[in-house]
Amino acid sequence: MEFTREEIIRSFYGQYDEDGRTTRSRHGQLEYCTTMAYIHRYAGRQSRILELGAGTGRYAVALAKEGMDVTAVELVERNLAVLRENSGGIENLRAFRGDATDLSRFSDNAFDVTLVFGPMYHLYEKDEVHRAIDEAIRVTKPGGVLLFAFISVFAIMYANYFYGNWAQGQAENFTSDYRVKHFKEQLFTGYDVAEFEGLFHGKPVEWITTAGVDGLLEPIEQRPDFSMTDEEFRAFAAWYLHFSETRELLGSTNHLLYICRKQAYEKDQGAVKRC
């Protein structure tokens, strides 16, 4: 029996504690604080935010509590239920069930900042990948900023396949001539950084940066001698944020952000001027 993409995703998150993912480990904590630092570069109290793949609301709730107007979209019912519970009483946060490939409920140019923080992990067919990107761009205002989270295929290998199962991981993630594979049974699909950046060629956006958000911590944290006090973590987080866009480090971080701005045009004394 062949399962659909949605069925595979729902089955996984029906058993996984997504609500504690960015708090229970050092790599999760680093992912959260680095990602929030980037959000705050482009969003302020008056911003209208759309988060796609909002999970249980870790980012959406925090941003709404800061005063931003937040709309959260989540595919998995279990996560959405927790999100709604976590956001109870917050009037400036609305949560909907939906898929990033279809944002027809939203009008064009509706949001200042669009966060695509889960869907690209779980989209495998080229048409769906591009539909999700195009939809996110469509609903973002001209001049608005989009942040797309994605996973490094190399970090997937480093974190999961040094336990007597390298050949299995290699077969799952690469073809025989070492091209990156994408298929729904992977559940989490990874990208070469240049491959992911290439998805945006020809689209009406201007690249701002590509940044890592959790570094090498995930595989290192599994070592029995790993230790990091709160003070050491704060120092490391500040250091990592400073170097998070360093190209030679991007292939070793698990989660990354592709950040771009939707192209905007304005008339200047009768001429068309790019902003």
C-alpha atoms as a PDB file:
ATOM      1  CA  MET A   1       0.000   0.000   0.000  1.00  0.00           C
ATOM      2  CA  GLU A   2       1.407   3.373  -1.011  1.00  0.00           C
ATOM      3  CA  PHE A   3       0.916   6.257   1.389  1.00  0.00           C
ATOM      4  CA  THR A   4       0.513   9.887   0.412  1.00  0.00           C
ATOM      5  CA  ARG A   5       2.920  12.620   1.506  1.00  0.00           C
ATOM      6  CA  GLU A   6       0.347  13.943   3.949  1.00  0.00           C
ATOM      7  CA  GLU A   7      -0.297  10.499   5.478  1.00  0.00           C
ATOM      8  CA  ILE A   8       3.440   9.917   6.043  1.00  0.00           C
ATOM      9  CA  ILE A   9       3.866  13.327   7.683  1.00  0.00           C
ATOM     10  CA  ARG A  10       0.790  12.927   9.883  1.00  0.00           C
ATOM     11  CA  SER A  11       1.948   9.480  11.009  1.00  0.00           C
ATOM     12  CA  PHE A  12       5.362  10.791  12.080  1.00  0.00           C
ATOM     13  CA  TYR A  13       4.139  13.891  13.919  1.00  0.00           C
ATOM     14  CA  GLY A  14       1.350  11.902  15.533  1.00  0.00           C
ATOM     15  CA  GLN A  15       4.065  10.171  17.586  1.00  0.00           C
ATOM     16  CA  TYR A  16       6.714  12.903  17.846  1.00  0.00           C
ATOM     17  CA  ASP A  17       6.941  15.577  20.557  1.00  0.00           C
ATOM     18  CA  GLU A  18       7.275  18.602  18.278  1.00  0.00           C
ATOM     19  CA  ASP A  19       6.336  20.998  21.088  1.00  0.00           C
ATOM     20  CA  GLY A  20       9.616  20.401  22.928  1.00  0.00           C
ATOM     21  CA  ARG A  21      11.910  20.110  19.902  1.00  0.00           C
ATOM     22  CA  THR A  22      13.621  23.499  20.274  1.00  0.00           C
ATOM     23  CA  THR A  23      13.910  23.385  24.065  1.00  0.00           C
ATOM     24  CA  ARG A  24      15.035  19.889  25.077  1.00  0.00           C
ATOM     25  CA  SER A  25      18.463  19.898  23.388  1.00  0.00           C
ATOM     26  CA  ARG A  26      21.281  22.363  22.866  1.00  0.00           C
ATOM     27  CA  HIS A  27      21.016  22.094  19.080  1.00  0.00           C
ATOM     28  CA  GLY A  28      17.290  22.817  19.306  1.00  0.00           C
ATOM     29  CA  GLN A  29      17.932  25.815  21.536  1.00  0.00           C
ATOM     30  CA  LEU A  30      20.558  27.111  19.118  1.00  0.00           C
ATOM     31  CA  GLU A  31      18.197  26.667  16.161  1.00  0.00           C
ATOM     32  CA  TYR A  32      15.535  28.687  17.969  1.00  0.00           C
ATOM     33  CA  CYS A  33      17.679  31.601  19.140  1.00  0.00           C
ATOM     34  CA  THR A  34      19.528  31.911  15.810  1.00  0.00           C
ATOM     35  CA  THR A  35      16.280  31.790  13.843  1.00  0.00           C
ATOM     36  CA  MET A  36      14.670  34.398  16.100  1.00  0.00           C
ATOM     37  CA  ALA A  37      17.683  36.667  15.614  1.00  0.00           C
ATOM     38  CA  TYR A  38      17.134  36.537  11.853  1.00  0.00           C
ATOM     39  CA  ILE A  39      13.383  37.108  12.154  1.00  0.00           C
ATOM     40  CA  HIS A  40      14.030  40.208  14.246  1.00  0.00           C
ATOM     41  CA  ARG A  41      16.276  41.632  11.524  1.00  0.00           C
ATOM     42  CA  TYR A  42      13.277  41.900   9.204  1.00  0.00           C
ATOM     43  CA  ALA A  43      10.175  42.002  11.435  1.00  0.00           C
ATOM     44  CA  GLY A  44       9.009  44.528  14.006  1.00  0.00           C
ATOM     45  CA  ARG A  45       6.024  45.118  16.260  1.00  0.00           C
ATOM     46  CA  GLN A  46       3.882  46.405  13.402  1.00  0.00           C
ATOM     47  CA  SER A  47       4.708  43.547  11.022  1.00  0.00           C
ATOM     48  CA  ARG A  48       2.088  41.243   9.619  1.00  0.00           C
ATOM     49  CA  ILE A  49       3.599  37.741   9.754  1.00  0.00           C
ATOM     50  CA  LEU A  50       2.628  34.499   8.020  1.00  0.00           C
ATOM     51  CA  GLU A  51       4.200  31.285   9.299  1.00  0.00           C
ATOM     52  CA  LEU A  52       3.789  28.158   7.176  1.00  0.00           C
ATOM     53  CA  GLY A  53       4.491  24.857   8.881  1.00  0.00           C
ATOM     54  CA  ALA A  54       4.005  26.502  12.254  1.00  0.00           C
ATOM     55  CA  GLY A  55       4.140  23.246  14.217  1.00  0.00           C
ATOM     56  CA  THR A  56       2.982  23.786  17.782  1.00  0.00           C
ATOM     57  CA  GLY A  57       3.558  27.543  17.613  1.00  0.00           C
ATOM     58  CA  ARG A  58       7.017  28.034  19.114  1.00  0.00           C
ATOM     59  CA  TYR A  59       7.764  30.980  16.817  1.00  0.00           C
ATOM     60  CA  ALA A  60       4.214  32.124  16.122  1.00  0.00           C
ATOM     61  CA  VAL A  61       3.311  32.459  19.802  1.00  0.00           C
ATOM     62  CA  ALA A  62       6.550  34.249  20.685  1.00  0.00           C
ATOM     63  CA  LEU A  63       6.157  36.741  17.835  1.00  0.00           C
ATOM     64  CA  ALA A  64       2.512  37.394  18.670  1.00  0.00           C
ATOM     65  CA  LYS A  65       3.446  38.062  22.291  1.00  0.00           C
ATOM     66  CA  GLU A  66       5.850  40.697  20.987  1.00  0.00           C
ATOM     67  CA  GLY A  67       2.881  42.450  19.393  1.00  0.00           C
ATOM     68  CA  MET A  68       3.168  41.253  15.780  1.00  0.00           C
ATOM     69  CA  ASP A  69       0.054  40.286  13.835  1.00  0.00           C
ATOM     70  CA  VAL A  70       0.597  36.561  13.195  1.00  0.00           C
ATOM     71  CA  THR A  71      -1.178  34.066  10.978  1.00  0.00           C
ATOM     72  CA  ALA A  72      -0.057  30.456  11.448  1.00  0.00           C
ATOM     73  CA  VAL A  73      -0.717  27.572   9.048  1.00  0.00           C
ATOM     74  CA  GLU A  74      -0.061  23.958  10.059  1.00  0.00           C
ATOM     75  CA  LEU A  75      -0.786  20.722   8.166  1.00  0.00           C
ATOM     76  CA  VAL A  76      -0.830  18.220  11.060  1.00  0.00           C
ATOM     77  CA  GLU A  77      -3.961  18.251  13.209  1.00  0.00           C
ATOM     78  CA  ARG A  78      -2.131  17.155  16.367  1.00  0.00           C
ATOM     79  CA  ASN A  79       0.367  20.004  16.093  1.00  0.00           C
ATOM     80  CA  LEU A  80      -2.406  22.472  15.272  1.00  0.00           C
ATOM     81  CA  ALA A  81      -4.347  21.469  18.384  1.00  0.00           C
ATOM     82  CA  VAL A  82      -1.289  22.129  20.571  1.00  0.00           C
ATOM     83  CA  LEU A  83      -0.663  25.423  18.758  1.00  0.00           C
ATOM     84  CA  ARG A  84      -4.209  26.579  19.480  1.00  0.00           C
ATOM     85  CA  GLU A  85      -3.843  25.556  23.114  1.00  0.00           C
ATOM     86  CA  ASN A  86      -0.507  27.378  23.395  1.00  0.00           C
ATOM     87  CA  SER A  87      -1.956  30.524  21.821  1.00  0.00           C
ATOM     88  CA  GLY A  88      -5.162  30.634  23.853  1.00  0.00           C
ATOM     89  CA  GLY A  89      -6.170  34.210  24.645  1.00  0.00           C
ATOM     90  CA  ILE A  90      -3.721  35.773  22.150  1.00  0.00           C
ATOM     91  CA  GLU A  91      -6.006  37.814  19.903  1.00  0.00           C
ATOM     92  CA  ASN A  92      -3.353  38.776  17.361  1.00  0.00           C
ATOM     93  CA  LEU A  93      -2.619  35.150  16.411  1.00  0.00           C
ATOM     94  CA  ARG A  94      -4.876  33.167  14.094  1.00  0.00           C
ATOM     95  CA  ALA A  95      -4.202  29.509  13.304  1.00  0.00           C
ATOM     96  CA  PHE A  96      -5.463  27.486  10.341  1.00  0.00           C
ATOM     97  CA  ARG A  97      -4.997  23.971   9.036  1.00  0.00           C
ATOM     98  CA  GLY A  98      -3.511  24.055   5.571  1.00  0.00           C
ATOM     99  CA  ASP A  99      -0.830  22.991   3.109  1.00  0.00           C
ATOM    100  CA  ALA A 100       1.908  25.337   1.916  1.00  0.00           C
ATOM    101  CA  THR A 101       1.213  24.347  -1.695  1.00  0.00           C
ATOM    102  CA  ASP A 102      -2.238  25.968  -1.545  1.00  0.00           C
ATOM    103  CA  LEU A 103      -2.585  29.371   0.119  1.00  0.00           C
ATOM    104  CA  SER A 104      -5.757  30.317  -1.756  1.00  0.00           C
ATOM    105  CA  ARG A 105      -7.369  31.524   1.480  1.00  0.00           C
ATOM    106  CA  PHE A 106      -4.908  34.458   1.455  1.00  0.00           C
ATOM    107  CA  SER A 107      -4.885  37.382  -0.961  1.00  0.00           C
ATOM    108  CA  ASP A 108      -1.891  38.589  -2.941  1.00  0.00           C
ATOM    109  CA  ASN A 109       0.623  40.877  -1.192  1.00  0.00           C
ATOM    110  CA  ALA A 110      -0.906  40.343   2.254  1.00  0.00           C
ATOM    111  CA  PHE A 111       2.090  39.827   4.584  1.00  0.00           C
ATOM    112  CA  ASP A 112       5.227  41.793   5.468  1.00  0.00           C
ATOM    113  CA  VAL A 113       7.250  38.709   6.403  1.00  0.00           C
ATOM    114  CA  THR A 114       6.579  35.095   5.404  1.00  0.00           C
ATOM    115  CA  LEU A 115       8.212  32.246   7.336  1.00  0.00           C
ATOM    116  CA  VAL A 116       8.286  28.867   5.604  1.00  0.00           C
ATOM    117  CA  PHE A 117       9.598  26.851   8.519  1.00  0.00           C
ATOM    118  CA  GLY A 118       8.608  23.233   7.874  1.00  0.00           C
ATOM    119  CA  PRO A 119       7.159  22.557   4.442  1.00  0.00           C
ATOM    120  CA  MET A 120      10.440  22.373   2.530  1.00  0.00           C
ATOM    121  CA  TYR A 121      11.533  19.441   4.716  1.00  0.00           C
ATOM    122  CA  HIS A 122       8.583  17.406   3.450  1.00  0.00           C
ATOM    123  CA  LEU A 123       8.067  18.378  -0.196  1.00  0.00           C
ATOM    124  CA  TYR A 124       9.584  16.003  -2.725  1.00  0.00           C
ATOM    125  CA  GLU A 125       7.995  16.497  -6.146  1.00  0.00           C
ATOM    126  CA  LYS A 126       9.382  19.432  -8.142  1.00  0.00           C
ATOM    127  CA  ASP A 127       5.966  20.834  -8.953  1.00  0.00           C
ATOM    128  CA  GLU A 128       4.974  20.880  -5.277  1.00  0.00           C
ATOM    129  CA  VAL A 129       8.278  22.431  -4.235  1.00  0.00           C
ATOM    130  CA  HIS A 130       7.867  25.254  -6.724  1.00  0.00           C
ATOM    131  CA  ARG A 131       4.170  25.676  -5.967  1.00  0.00           C
ATOM    132  CA  ALA A 132       4.980  26.210  -2.276  1.00  0.00           C
ATOM    133  CA  ILE A 133       7.709  28.736  -3.119  1.00  0.00           C
ATOM    134  CA  ASP A 134       5.486  30.574  -5.588  1.00  0.00           C
ATOM    135  CA  GLU A 135       2.555  30.701  -3.172  1.00  0.00           C
ATOM    136  CA  ALA A 136       4.743  32.097  -0.377  1.00  0.00           C
ATOM    137  CA  ILE A 137       6.045  34.770  -2.737  1.00  0.00           C
ATOM    138  CA  ARG A 138       2.543  35.612  -3.984  1.00  0.00           C
ATOM    139  CA  VAL A 139       1.109  36.357  -0.533  1.00  0.00           C
ATOM    140  CA  THR A 140       4.125  38.456   0.527  1.00  0.00           C
ATOM    141  CA  LYS A 141       4.049  42.203  -0.052  1.00  0.00           C
ATOM    142  CA  PRO A 142       6.426  43.729  -2.608  1.00  0.00           C
ATOM    143  CA  GLY A 143       9.565  44.547  -0.649  1.00  0.00           C
ATOM    144  CA  GLY A 144       8.612  41.995   2.006  1.00  0.00           C
ATOM    145  CA  VAL A 145      11.008  39.330   3.247  1.00  0.00           C
ATOM    146  CA  LEU A 146      10.688  35.550   3.083  1.00  0.00           C
ATOM    147  CA  LEU A 147      12.635  33.053   5.208  1.00  0.00           C
ATOM    148  CA  PHE A 148      12.671  29.454   3.962  1.00  0.00           C
ATOM    149  CA  ALA A 149      13.998  26.750   6.295  1.00  0.00           C
ATOM    150  CA  PHE A 150      15.642  23.715   4.705  1.00  0.00           C
ATOM    151  CA  ILE A 151      17.909  20.832   5.718  1.00  0.00           C
ATOM    152  CA  SER A 152      21.435  20.018   4.538  1.00  0.00           C
ATOM    153  CA  VAL A 153      21.661  16.539   3.051  1.00  0.00           C
ATOM    154  CA  PHE A 154      25.243  16.331   4.326  1.00  0.00           C
ATOM    155  CA  ALA A 155      24.166  17.131   7.878  1.00  0.00           C
ATOM    156  CA  ILE A 156      21.523  14.398   7.605  1.00  0.00           C
ATOM    157  CA  MET A 157      24.342  11.976   6.821  1.00  0.00           C
ATOM    158  CA  TYR A 158      26.643  13.272   9.594  1.00  0.00           C
ATOM    159  CA  ALA A 159      23.938  13.168  12.249  1.00  0.00           C
ATOM    160  CA  ASN A 160      22.311   9.837  11.443  1.00  0.00           C
ATOM    161  CA  TYR A 161      24.588   7.446   9.575  1.00  0.00           C
ATOM    162  CA  PHE A 162      27.794   6.888  11.513  1.00  0.00           C
ATOM    163  CA  TYR A 163      26.310   3.986  13.471  1.00  0.00           C
ATOM    164  CA  GLY A 164      27.016   1.034  11.212  1.00  0.00           C
ATOM    165  CA  ASN A 165      24.430   2.219   8.694  1.00  0.00           C
ATOM    166  CA  TRP A 166      26.330   4.564   6.347  1.00  0.00           C
ATOM    167  CA  ALA A 167      25.594   2.517   3.195  1.00  0.00           C
ATOM    168  CA  GLN A 168      21.880   2.597   4.022  1.00  0.00           C
ATOM    169  CA  GLY A 169      21.905   6.370   4.441  1.00  0.00           C
ATOM    170  CA  GLN A 170      23.901   6.860   1.273  1.00  0.00           C
ATOM    171  CA  ALA A 171      21.418   4.773  -0.713  1.00  0.00           C
ATOM    172  CA  GLU A 172      18.491   6.694   0.743  1.00  0.00           C
ATOM    173  CA  ASN A 173      19.883  10.156   0.049  1.00  0.00           C
ATOM    174  CA  PHE A 174      22.087   9.803  -3.057  1.00  0.00           C
ATOM    175  CA  THR A 175      21.925   8.116  -6.420  1.00  0.00           C
ATOM    176  CA  SER A 176      24.742   5.826  -7.551  1.00  0.00           C
ATOM    177  CA  ASP A 177      26.429   8.838  -9.205  1.00  0.00           C
ATOM    178  CA  TYR A 178      26.040  10.928  -6.006  1.00  0.00           C
ATOM    179  CA  ARG A 179      23.123  13.124  -7.001  1.00  0.00           C
ATOM    180  CA  VAL A 180      20.805  14.143  -4.162  1.00  0.00           C
ATOM    181  CA  LYS A 181      17.551  12.181  -4.041  1.00  0.00           C
ATOM    182  CA  HIS A 182      14.122  13.452  -2.965  1.00  0.00           C
ATOM    183  CA  PHE A 183      11.241  11.049  -2.307  1.00  0.00           C
ATOM    184  CA  LYS A 184       8.462  11.047   0.288  1.00  0.00           C
ATOM    185  CA  GLU A 185       9.521   7.852   2.089  1.00  0.00           C
ATOM    186  CA  GLN A 186      12.590   9.767   3.317  1.00  0.00           C
ATOM    187  CA  LEU A 187      10.182  11.859   5.436  1.00  0.00           C
ATOM    188  CA  PHE A 188      12.888  14.544   5.825  1.00  0.00           C
ATOM    189  CA  THR A 189      14.538  15.453   2.528  1.00  0.00           C
ATOM    190  CA  GLY A 190      17.879  17.241   2.421  1.00  0.00           C
ATOM    191  CA  TYR A 191      19.499  19.599  -0.073  1.00  0.00           C
ATOM    192  CA  ASP A 192      22.904  20.635  -1.239  1.00  0.00           C
ATOM    193  CA  VAL A 193      23.003  24.373  -0.427  1.00  0.00           C
ATOM    194  CA  ALA A 194      23.586  25.421  -4.036  1.00  0.00           C
ATOM    195  CA  GLU A 195      20.772  23.119  -5.154  1.00  0.00           C
ATOM    196  CA  PHE A 196      18.304  24.788  -2.790  1.00  0.00           C
ATOM    197  CA  GLU A 197      19.407  28.286  -3.767  1.00  0.00           C
ATOM    198  CA  GLY A 198      18.907  27.292  -7.403  1.00  0.00           C
ATOM    199  CA  LEU A 199      15.193  26.715  -6.781  1.00  0.00           C
ATOM    200  CA  PHE A 200      14.734  30.497  -6.707  1.00  0.00           C
ATOM    201  CA  HIS A 201      16.414  31.307 -10.024  1.00  0.00           C
ATOM    202  CA  GLY A 202      13.982  33.215 -12.216  1.00  0.00           C
ATOM    203  CA  LYS A 203      11.563  33.958  -9.389  1.00  0.00           C
ATOM    204  CA  PRO A 204      10.644  37.561  -8.436  1.00  0.00           C
ATOM    205  CA  VAL A 205      12.879  37.692  -5.376  1.00  0.00           C
ATOM    206  CA  GLU A 206      16.300  39.049  -4.516  1.00  0.00           C
ATOM    207  CA  TRP A 207      18.568  36.820  -2.426  1.00  0.00           C
ATOM    208  CA  ILE A 208      19.664  38.358   0.868  1.00  0.00           C
ATOM    209  CA  THR A 209      21.631  35.539   2.486  1.00  0.00           C
ATOM    210  CA  THR A 210      21.775  31.840   3.324  1.00  0.00           C
ATOM    211  CA  ALA A 211      22.510  31.044   6.963  1.00  0.00           C
ATOM    212  CA  GLY A 212      22.914  28.020   9.187  1.00  0.00           C
ATOM    213  CA  VAL A 213      20.968  27.966  12.430  1.00  0.00           C
ATOM    214  CA  ASP A 214      22.214  24.995  14.497  1.00  0.00           C
ATOM    215  CA  GLY A 215      25.744  24.202  13.347  1.00  0.00           C
ATOM    216  CA  LEU A 216      27.424  20.893  14.162  1.00  0.00           C
ATOM    217  CA  LEU A 217      25.733  20.543  17.531  1.00  0.00           C
ATOM    218  CA  GLU A 218      23.317  17.712  16.703  1.00  0.00           C
ATOM    219  CA  PRO A 219      25.879  14.957  15.980  1.00  0.00           C
ATOM    220  CA  ILE A 220      28.323  16.296  18.590  1.00  0.00           C
ATOM    221  CA  GLU A 221      25.645  16.414  21.281  1.00  0.00           C
ATOM    222  CA  GLN A 222      25.225  12.645  20.996  1.00  0.00           C
ATOM    223  CA  ARG A 223      28.746  12.072  22.359  1.00  0.00           C
ATOM    224  CA  PRO A 224      28.769  10.810  25.983  1.00  0.00           C
ATOM    225  CA  ASP A 225      31.388  13.411  26.939  1.00  0.00           C
ATOM    226  CA  PHE A 226      29.419  16.375  25.516  1.00  0.00           C
ATOM    227  CA  SER A 227      28.936  19.133  28.082  1.00  0.00           C
ATOM    228  CA  MET A 228      27.849  22.764  27.783  1.00  0.00           C
ATOM    229  CA  THR A 229      26.773  24.951  30.685  1.00  0.00           C
ATOM    230  CA  ASP A 230      24.244  27.741  30.213  1.00  0.00           C
ATOM    231  CA  GLU A 231      27.064  30.280  30.291  1.00  0.00           C
ATOM    232  CA  GLU A 232      29.040  28.359  27.668  1.00  0.00           C
ATOM    233  CA  PHE A 233      25.929  27.994  25.525  1.00  0.00           C
ATOM    234  CA  ARG A 234      25.268  31.743  25.555  1.00  0.00           C
ATOM    235  CA  ALA A 235      28.856  32.383  24.471  1.00  0.00           C
ATOM    236  CA  PHE A 236      28.652  29.726  21.760  1.00  0.00           C
ATOM    237  CA  ALA A 237      25.287  31.019  20.475  1.00  0.00           C
ATOM    238  CA  ALA A 238      26.687  34.545  20.096  1.00  0.00           C
ATOM    239  CA  TRP A 239      29.800  33.179  18.340  1.00  0.00           C
ATOM    240  CA  TYR A 240      27.722  30.974  16.032  1.00  0.00           C
ATOM    241  CA  LEU A 241      25.366  33.789  15.031  1.00  0.00           C
ATOM    242  CA  HIS A 242      28.374  35.874  14.005  1.00  0.00           C
ATOM    243  CA  PHE A 243      29.609  33.093  11.671  1.00  0.00           C
ATOM    244  CA  SER A 244      26.238  31.616  10.662  1.00  0.00           C
ATOM    245  CA  GLU A 245      26.499  32.831   7.049  1.00  0.00           C
ATOM    246  CA  THR A 246      30.063  31.564   6.509  1.00  0.00           C
ATOM    247  CA  ARG A 247      29.814  29.475   3.346  1.00  0.00           C
ATOM    248  CA  GLU A 248      32.250  26.740   4.339  1.00  0.00           C
ATOM    249  CA  LEU A 249      30.171  26.009   7.457  1.00  0.00           C
ATOM    250  CA  LEU A 250      26.779  25.684   5.739  1.00  0.00           C
ATOM    251  CA  GLY A 251      27.118  22.042   4.713  1.00  0.00           C
ATOM    252  CA  SER A 252      27.649  20.950   8.310  1.00  0.00           C
ATOM    253  CA  THR A 253      24.621  22.641   9.854  1.00  0.00           C
ATOM    254  CA  ASN A 254      21.418  20.612   9.975  1.00  0.00           C
ATOM    255  CA  HIS A 255      18.877  23.410   9.532  1.00  0.00           C
ATOM    256  CA  LEU A 256      19.420  26.442   7.306  1.00  0.00           C
ATOM    257  CA  LEU A 257      17.571  29.574   6.233  1.00  0.00           C
ATOM    258  CA  TYR A 258      17.340  30.906   2.686  1.00  0.00           C
ATOM    259  CA  ILE A 259      16.371  34.564   3.071  1.00  0.00           C
ATOM    260  CA  CYS A 260      15.142  36.718   0.195  1.00  0.00           C
ATOM    261  CA  ARG A 261      13.154  39.870  -0.540  1.00  0.00           C
ATOM    262  CA  LYS A 262      10.208  40.026  -2.913  1.00  0.00           C
ATOM    263  CA  GLN A 263      11.017  42.387  -5.734  1.00  0.00           C
ATOM    264  CA  ALA A 264       9.374  45.787  -5.437  1.00  0.00           C
ATOM    265  CA  TYR A 265       9.052  48.598  -7.928  1.00  0.00           C
ATOM    266  CA  GLU A 266       8.053  52.205  -7.521  1.00  0.00           C
ATOM    267  CA  LYS A 267       7.665  55.098  -9.925  1.00  0.00           C
ATOM    268  CA  ASP A 268      10.227  57.839  -9.557  1.00  0.00           C
ATOM    269  CA  GLN A 269       9.577  60.951 -11.655  1.00  0.00           C
ATOM    270  CA  GLY A 270       7.947  58.953 -14.380  1.00  0.00           C
ATOM    271  CA  ALA A 271      10.576  56.237 -14.478  1.00  0.00           C
ATOM    272  CA  VAL A 272      10.292  52.741 -13.061  1.00  0.00           C
ATOM    273  CA  LYS A 273      12.734  52.308 -10.202  1.00  0.00           C
ATOM    274  CA  ARG A 274      13.620  49.065  -8.424  1.00  0.00           C
ATOM    275  CA  CYS A 275      13.528  49.418  -4.623  1.00  0.00           C
END
